[in-house]
Amino acid sequence: MSSGFFRRMKALIRKEFLQLSRDSSSLLLGIALPIILILIIGYGISLDVKNVPIAVVLEDPSPASQDVLSFMDGSEYFSPTYVTSFKEAEQMMTDRKVNAIIDVPSDFAARLHEGNAKMLLVLDGVETATAMSVQTYVDTSIAFWEARHMSGAASFGTVTVEPRMWYNNANSSTWFFIPGLVMLIMTIIGVMLTSVVMAREWERGTFESLFVTPVKPMELVLAKMVPYFFIALLGTGICLVLSRFLFSVPMVGSLSAILGISMIYLLVALGIGLMISAVTKNQFLACQFAIMGTFMPALMLSGFLYDILNMPPAVRAITCIIPARYYVTLLQTLFLAGDIPSVIIPCCITLGVFAVALMGIARLKAPKSLE
């Protein structure tokens, strides 16, 4: 039985590779599109944010310290969480629960009356767009506070904000966008390439020749996936090379981890594409479903354009069923922060569940009769 399986798989995969080699549009989509997108989008996106989750370490609970930080209370730009130690705030940032930390030292009030108080602002460089906005908001708010108290009866000095950028020493928004762009390209390649393969065979009537063979549905699904998996993996490699050598994006985490999670996500994307293709049986409909059902959610709800922590709770809940969300989180963490198990393990498990479920659905929807 095993020899028959491998013989059938070999023949089916050879057939798919031959079809792929004759389809110039698929080759262009898999190879040329990553280069075009990473050049165009990588150079030109910037965003503003609101309701930024921020941890506040108030080592000096004096009225003066609370007055300086009063700009965050009721602000549309900040969602502060007060903690008792810097270590606790650091763990929250590592776990991607906050985008910034404000640390008010224990001698803040005393130094304020002396004329030169300082506070530390730590920014999460993985979310560069958010980090830049946070720094601007804090600097502007402190400047307004100083201006308001310049003519007051109380004698206050200046407040110096010392910014520290974690995970993105170059302070470059490109470092933040490139990992998300890799996700977007992998979604386009994985879903778009496979969403039309079964639909195309239905339209051309070539499935009839397969129905009289001993080919099983799962073998058909695997054969459809293998060629596109490798061409999508080639696209991934192109993105990683361009990210490193063209945009100088660091890879703090291990390359093997980046490739491993990319393979898992490709299985998810290919599974979605095959499921769409098997259900629609029409190339035009398959393309429309692929764009509306995967590309747009991946663009808007994955954290690529908008920080998920800044989204309303209802929208944030919807992102939990978007596989691209977990892939973006993994890429941003591995590229800029490193191998952080508390982030990597849960996201990998979730993507694995998506992959298995989608493969099962694609297998159930794979045709074996004309019905």
Protein backbone atom coordinates (compact mmCIF):
# COMPACT_ATOMS: atom_id res chain seq x y z
CA MET A 1 0.00 0.00 0.00
CA SER A 2 2.79 2.41 0.88
CA SER A 3 4.54 1.82 -2.45
CA GLY A 4 1.28 2.58 -4.28
CA PHE A 5 0.85 5.76 -2.28
CA PHE A 6 4.33 7.04 -3.12
CA ARG A 7 3.94 6.08 -6.79
CA ARG A 8 0.67 7.99 -7.06
CA MET A 9 2.07 10.95 -5.15
CA LYS A 10 5.13 11.06 -7.41
CA ALA A 11 2.95 11.11 -10.52
CA LEU A 12 0.59 13.75 -9.12
CA ILE A 13 3.37 16.03 -7.92
CA ARG A 14 5.14 15.72 -11.28
CA LYS A 15 1.88 16.68 -12.99
CA GLU A 16 1.47 19.74 -10.73
CA PHE A 17 5.05 20.89 -11.31
CA LEU A 18 4.56 20.58 -15.06
CA GLN A 19 1.38 22.64 -14.88
CA LEU A 20 3.15 25.20 -12.72
CA SER A 21 6.08 25.46 -15.14
CA ARG A 22 3.64 26.26 -17.96
CA ASP A 23 1.78 28.88 -15.91
CA SER A 24 3.89 32.04 -16.15
CA SER A 25 1.40 34.05 -14.07
CA SER A 26 1.92 31.78 -11.05
CA LEU A 27 5.69 32.01 -11.38
CA LEU A 28 5.49 35.81 -11.58
CA LEU A 29 3.17 35.90 -8.56
CA GLY A 30 5.52 33.74 -6.53
CA ILE A 31 8.84 35.34 -7.48
CA ALA A 32 8.35 38.84 -8.91
CA LEU A 33 5.54 39.96 -6.58
CA PRO A 34 7.59 39.63 -3.36
CA ILE A 35 10.28 41.89 -4.82
CA ILE A 36 7.80 44.50 -6.07
CA LEU A 37 5.77 44.64 -2.84
CA ILE A 38 8.71 44.75 -0.48
CA LEU A 39 10.23 47.65 -2.47
CA ILE A 40 7.03 49.67 -2.81
CA ILE A 41 5.40 49.17 0.59
CA GLY A 42 8.65 48.97 2.52
CA TYR A 43 9.50 52.56 1.70
CA GLY A 44 6.23 54.35 2.28
CA ILE A 45 3.91 53.61 5.24
CA SER A 46 3.42 55.75 8.37
CA LEU A 47 0.57 55.77 10.92
CA ASP A 48 -0.86 57.52 13.99
CA VAL A 49 -2.27 55.67 17.00
CA LYS A 50 -4.60 56.16 19.97
CA ASN A 51 -5.37 54.40 23.27
CA VAL A 52 -1.79 53.20 23.61
CA PRO A 53 -1.35 50.73 26.50
CA ILE A 54 1.46 52.06 28.68
CA ALA A 55 2.89 50.83 31.99
CA VAL A 56 3.63 53.52 34.60
CA VAL A 57 6.16 52.78 37.33
CA LEU A 58 5.41 55.44 39.93
CA GLU A 59 8.33 55.08 42.36
CA ASP A 60 7.55 58.58 43.67
CA PRO A 61 3.81 58.77 44.50
CA SER A 62 3.98 62.44 45.48
CA PRO A 63 1.29 64.93 44.32
CA ALA A 64 3.86 66.61 42.07
CA SER A 65 4.62 63.35 40.25
CA GLN A 66 0.94 62.55 39.82
CA ASP A 67 0.30 66.08 38.55
CA VAL A 68 3.01 65.74 35.88
CA LEU A 69 1.46 62.47 34.68
CA SER A 70 -2.12 63.71 34.85
CA PHE A 71 -2.11 64.18 31.06
CA MET A 72 -2.69 60.43 30.69
CA ASP A 73 -5.87 60.31 32.76
CA GLY A 74 -8.86 60.40 30.42
CA SER A 75 -6.61 60.91 27.39
CA GLU A 76 -7.62 59.39 24.06
CA TYR A 77 -3.96 58.68 23.37
CA PHE A 78 -3.02 56.63 26.44
CA SER A 79 -4.38 53.67 28.36
CA PRO A 80 -2.12 53.61 31.46
CA THR A 81 -1.56 50.68 33.80
CA TYR A 82 0.15 51.55 37.10
CA VAL A 83 2.60 48.95 38.40
CA THR A 84 4.83 48.82 41.46
CA SER A 85 8.17 47.86 39.93
CA PHE A 86 10.13 48.32 36.73
CA LYS A 87 10.63 44.55 36.50
CA GLU A 88 6.86 44.04 36.32
CA ALA A 89 6.57 46.68 33.60
CA GLU A 90 9.45 45.10 31.67
CA GLN A 91 7.70 41.72 31.72
CA MET A 92 4.52 43.33 30.39
CA MET A 93 6.44 44.79 27.47
CA THR A 94 8.20 41.48 26.78
CA ASP A 95 4.80 39.77 26.67
CA ARG A 96 3.52 42.45 24.23
CA LYS A 97 0.90 43.74 26.70
CA VAL A 98 2.11 47.35 26.63
CA ASN A 99 3.87 49.52 24.06
CA ALA A 100 5.80 51.75 26.45
CA ILE A 101 6.97 52.25 30.03
CA ILE A 102 7.19 55.49 31.99
CA ASP A 103 9.46 55.20 35.02
CA VAL A 104 9.24 58.03 37.58
CA PRO A 105 12.23 57.76 39.97
CA SER A 106 11.87 58.02 43.74
CA ASP A 107 13.61 61.43 43.87
CA PHE A 108 11.45 62.96 41.13
CA ALA A 109 9.60 65.51 43.31
CA ALA A 110 12.76 66.65 45.09
CA ARG A 111 14.65 67.15 41.83
CA LEU A 112 11.62 68.89 40.30
CA HIS A 113 11.77 71.59 42.96
CA GLU A 114 15.52 71.82 42.46
CA GLY A 115 14.87 72.59 38.82
CA ASN A 116 15.85 69.45 36.91
CA ALA A 117 13.64 66.36 37.20
CA LYS A 118 13.99 63.36 34.94
CA MET A 119 11.77 60.45 33.98
CA LEU A 120 12.54 57.44 31.79
CA LEU A 121 10.42 56.60 28.75
CA VAL A 122 11.01 53.08 27.38
CA LEU A 123 9.53 52.43 23.93
CA ASP A 124 8.82 49.10 22.26
CA GLY A 125 10.77 49.27 18.99
CA VAL A 126 8.91 46.24 17.61
CA GLU A 127 5.95 48.62 17.17
CA THR A 128 7.95 51.50 15.74
CA ALA A 129 5.03 53.57 14.47
CA THR A 130 3.37 53.38 17.87
CA ALA A 131 6.66 54.12 19.65
CA MET A 132 7.26 57.28 17.66
CA SER A 133 3.72 58.50 18.34
CA VAL A 134 4.03 57.75 22.06
CA GLN A 135 7.27 59.72 22.32
CA THR A 136 5.70 62.67 20.50
CA TYR A 137 2.59 62.58 22.71
CA VAL A 138 4.61 62.39 25.93
CA ASP A 139 7.04 65.16 24.94
CA THR A 140 4.17 67.42 23.88
CA SER A 141 2.19 66.75 27.06
CA ILE A 142 5.19 67.46 29.30
CA ALA A 143 5.85 70.68 27.39
CA PHE A 144 2.23 71.78 27.96
CA TRP A 145 2.54 70.95 31.66
CA GLU A 146 5.69 73.05 31.95
CA ALA A 147 4.11 75.96 30.10
CA ARG A 148 1.03 75.81 32.35
CA HIS A 149 3.17 75.94 35.51
CA MET A 150 5.68 78.53 34.35
CA SER A 151 3.47 81.38 35.56
CA GLY A 152 1.99 79.53 38.54
CA ALA A 153 2.54 80.33 42.20
CA ALA A 154 4.40 77.11 42.88
CA SER A 155 8.01 76.96 41.87
CA PHE A 156 8.62 74.08 39.45
CA GLY A 157 11.61 73.34 37.29
CA THR A 158 11.81 71.48 34.02
CA VAL A 159 11.08 67.81 33.36
CA THR A 160 13.46 65.93 31.08
CA VAL A 161 12.14 62.80 29.36
CA GLU A 162 14.91 60.31 28.60
CA PRO A 163 13.71 57.98 25.80
CA ARG A 164 15.04 54.45 25.37
CA MET A 165 14.14 52.38 22.32
CA TRP A 166 14.08 48.63 22.93
CA TYR A 167 14.35 46.07 20.12
CA ASN A 168 14.88 48.73 17.43
CA ASN A 169 18.09 50.65 18.01
CA ALA A 170 17.99 52.24 14.55
CA ASN A 171 14.63 53.86 15.37
CA SER A 172 13.42 52.84 11.91
CA SER A 173 9.76 52.22 11.03
CA THR A 174 11.00 50.03 8.18
CA TRP A 175 12.22 47.49 10.73
CA PHE A 176 8.66 47.24 12.01
CA PHE A 177 6.92 47.10 8.63
CA ILE A 178 9.18 44.58 6.88
CA PRO A 179 8.22 41.57 9.09
CA GLY A 180 4.54 42.40 8.52
CA LEU A 181 5.19 42.76 4.82
CA VAL A 182 6.69 39.26 4.75
CA MET A 183 3.41 37.99 6.23
CA LEU A 184 1.39 39.85 3.61
CA ILE A 185 3.43 38.43 0.76
CA MET A 186 3.22 34.89 2.12
CA THR A 187 -0.55 35.26 2.45
CA ILE A 188 -0.91 36.47 -1.13
CA ILE A 189 1.32 33.76 -2.54
CA GLY A 190 -0.04 30.90 -0.43
CA VAL A 191 -3.73 31.67 -0.76
CA MET A 192 -3.90 33.20 -4.24
CA LEU A 193 -1.81 30.51 -5.93
CA THR A 194 -3.77 27.59 -4.49
CA SER A 195 -7.25 29.15 -4.46
CA VAL A 196 -7.58 28.64 -8.20
CA VAL A 197 -5.92 25.24 -8.74
CA MET A 198 -8.95 23.00 -8.11
CA ALA A 199 -11.36 25.58 -9.53
CA ARG A 200 -9.26 25.70 -12.72
CA GLU A 201 -9.43 21.92 -13.11
CA TRP A 202 -13.19 21.95 -12.58
CA GLU A 203 -13.57 24.57 -15.30
CA ARG A 204 -11.25 22.74 -17.69
CA GLY A 205 -12.88 19.38 -17.01
CA THR A 206 -9.57 17.68 -16.16
CA PHE A 207 -10.84 16.23 -12.88
CA GLU A 208 -12.71 13.50 -14.76
CA SER A 209 -9.45 11.74 -15.60
CA LEU A 210 -8.54 11.64 -11.90
CA PHE A 211 -11.85 10.14 -10.82
CA VAL A 212 -11.11 6.84 -12.58
CA THR A 213 -7.71 6.48 -10.84
CA PRO A 214 -7.01 5.03 -7.38
CA VAL A 215 -5.95 8.49 -6.17
CA LYS A 216 -7.36 9.29 -2.72
CA PRO A 217 -8.66 12.74 -1.68
CA MET A 218 -5.81 13.36 0.77
CA GLU A 219 -3.25 12.45 -1.89
CA LEU A 220 -4.88 14.93 -4.24
CA VAL A 221 -4.73 17.68 -1.61
CA LEU A 222 -1.06 17.00 -0.80
CA ALA A 223 -0.11 16.89 -4.49
CA LYS A 224 -1.78 20.24 -5.04
CA MET A 225 0.11 21.76 -2.12
CA VAL A 226 3.67 20.56 -2.67
CA PRO A 227 4.67 22.66 -5.72
CA TYR A 228 3.11 25.82 -4.35
CA PHE A 229 4.65 25.21 -0.94
CA PHE A 230 8.12 25.26 -2.48
CA ILE A 231 7.51 28.31 -4.66
CA ALA A 232 6.05 30.16 -1.65
CA LEU A 233 9.07 29.08 0.39
CA LEU A 234 11.25 30.55 -2.34
CA GLY A 235 9.30 33.79 -1.99
CA THR A 236 9.95 33.69 1.76
CA GLY A 237 13.67 33.32 1.14
CA ILE A 238 13.64 36.29 -1.22
CA CYS A 239 11.89 38.42 1.41
CA LEU A 240 14.37 37.44 4.12
CA VAL A 241 17.38 38.19 1.92
CA LEU A 242 16.01 41.58 0.85
CA SER A 243 15.03 42.42 4.42
CA ARG A 244 18.51 41.73 5.70
CA PHE A 245 20.70 43.13 2.94
CA LEU A 246 18.52 45.86 1.42
CA PHE A 247 16.78 47.28 4.49
CA SER A 248 19.32 46.11 7.12
CA VAL A 249 16.55 44.65 9.29
CA PRO A 250 18.22 42.62 12.07
CA MET A 251 17.35 39.02 12.82
CA VAL A 252 17.81 38.84 16.57
CA GLY A 253 16.03 35.50 16.77
CA SER A 254 17.28 32.32 15.16
CA LEU A 255 16.95 31.88 11.39
CA SER A 256 15.77 28.31 11.88
CA ALA A 257 12.87 29.54 14.02
CA ILE A 258 11.89 32.12 11.38
CA LEU A 259 11.93 29.48 8.63
CA GLY A 260 10.10 26.97 10.81
CA ILE A 261 7.20 29.26 11.67
CA SER A 262 7.09 30.44 8.05
CA MET A 263 6.60 26.83 6.92
CA ILE A 264 3.76 26.39 9.41
CA TYR A 265 2.09 29.57 8.20
CA LEU A 266 2.50 28.51 4.58
CA LEU A 267 0.60 25.31 5.38
CA VAL A 268 -2.17 27.47 6.85
CA ALA A 269 -2.26 29.75 3.79
CA LEU A 270 -2.18 26.84 1.35
CA GLY A 271 -4.94 25.10 3.30
CA ILE A 272 -7.13 28.20 3.08
CA GLY A 273 -6.49 28.48 -0.65
CA LEU A 274 -7.32 24.83 -1.34
CA MET A 275 -10.46 25.01 0.78
CA ILE A 276 -11.66 28.07 -1.16
CA SER A 277 -10.81 26.42 -4.46
CA ALA A 278 -12.60 23.16 -3.63
CA VAL A 279 -15.75 24.92 -2.43
CA THR A 280 -16.17 27.55 -5.15
CA LYS A 281 -15.17 25.48 -8.24
CA ASN A 282 -14.85 28.79 -10.11
CA GLN A 283 -11.62 30.74 -10.61
CA PHE A 284 -13.23 34.18 -10.47
CA LEU A 285 -15.15 33.41 -7.29
CA ALA A 286 -12.08 31.78 -5.77
CA CYS A 287 -10.02 34.93 -6.37
CA GLN A 288 -12.73 37.14 -4.87
CA PHE A 289 -13.03 34.95 -1.78
CA ALA A 290 -9.24 34.89 -1.42
CA ILE A 291 -9.00 38.68 -1.52
CA MET A 292 -11.97 39.45 0.73
CA GLY A 293 -11.57 36.52 3.10
CA THR A 294 -7.83 36.44 3.63
CA PHE A 295 -5.91 39.33 2.07
CA MET A 296 -8.03 42.15 3.53
CA PRO A 297 -8.22 40.67 7.07
CA ALA A 298 -4.48 39.97 6.96
CA LEU A 299 -3.84 43.56 5.92
CA MET A 300 -6.17 45.25 8.42
CA LEU A 301 -6.45 42.91 11.42
CA SER A 302 -3.08 41.20 11.78
CA GLY A 303 -1.17 44.00 13.47
CA PHE A 304 0.68 44.83 10.26
CA LEU A 305 -0.90 48.27 9.83
CA TYR A 306 -2.64 48.81 13.15
CA ASP A 307 -1.42 47.77 16.57
CA ILE A 308 -3.87 45.18 17.92
CA LEU A 309 -3.56 46.54 21.46
CA ASN A 310 -4.96 49.85 20.20
CA MET A 311 -8.04 48.27 18.62
CA PRO A 312 -11.50 48.25 20.24
CA PRO A 313 -12.20 45.07 22.27
CA ALA A 314 -14.73 43.73 19.74
CA VAL A 315 -12.31 44.09 16.84
CA ARG A 316 -9.49 42.68 18.96
CA ALA A 317 -11.61 39.56 19.57
CA ILE A 318 -12.12 39.11 15.82
CA THR A 319 -8.35 39.15 15.26
CA CYS A 320 -8.06 35.96 17.31
CA ILE A 321 -9.43 33.96 14.35
CA ILE A 322 -7.05 35.58 11.84
CA PRO A 323 -3.99 33.30 11.39
CA ALA A 324 -1.94 36.19 10.02
CA ARG A 325 -2.12 37.90 13.43
CA TYR A 326 0.00 35.18 15.04
CA TYR A 327 2.47 35.07 12.16
CA VAL A 328 3.03 38.84 12.34
CA THR A 329 3.59 38.63 16.09
CA LEU A 330 6.10 35.82 15.60
CA LEU A 331 7.99 37.60 12.83
CA GLN A 332 8.21 40.91 14.68
CA THR A 333 9.37 39.13 17.82
CA LEU A 334 11.96 36.96 16.07
CA PHE A 335 13.26 39.76 13.86
CA LEU A 336 13.57 42.46 16.50
CA ALA A 337 13.25 41.03 20.02
CA GLY A 338 14.67 37.52 19.78
CA ASP A 339 13.59 34.04 20.82
CA ILE A 340 10.99 34.78 23.52
CA PRO A 341 9.26 31.49 24.47
CA SER A 342 6.27 33.20 26.14
CA VAL A 343 5.37 34.71 22.76
CA ILE A 344 6.63 32.07 20.32
CA ILE A 345 5.18 28.88 21.84
CA PRO A 346 1.50 29.98 22.11
CA CYS A 347 1.53 31.50 18.61
CA CYS A 348 3.13 28.39 17.07
CA ILE A 349 0.59 26.10 18.74
CA THR A 350 -2.27 28.27 17.47
CA LEU A 351 -0.91 28.26 13.90
CA GLY A 352 -0.45 24.48 14.11
CA VAL A 353 -4.10 24.06 15.09
CA PHE A 354 -5.16 26.26 12.18
CA ALA A 355 -3.00 24.20 9.78
CA VAL A 356 -4.41 20.84 10.91
CA ALA A 357 -8.01 22.09 10.82
CA LEU A 358 -7.69 23.63 7.37
CA MET A 359 -5.99 20.54 5.97
CA GLY A 360 -8.85 18.44 7.31
CA ILE A 361 -11.46 20.70 5.71
CA ALA A 362 -9.61 20.75 2.39
CA ARG A 363 -9.43 16.94 2.47
CA LEU A 364 -13.18 16.65 3.15
CA LYS A 365 -13.98 19.06 0.33
CA ALA A 366 -11.61 17.43 -2.16
CA PRO A 367 -13.69 15.88 -5.00
CA LYS A 368 -13.70 12.18 -5.86
CA SER A 369 -16.82 12.10 -7.98
CA LEU A 370 -18.71 14.31 -10.39
CA GLU A 371 -21.70 14.50 -8.04
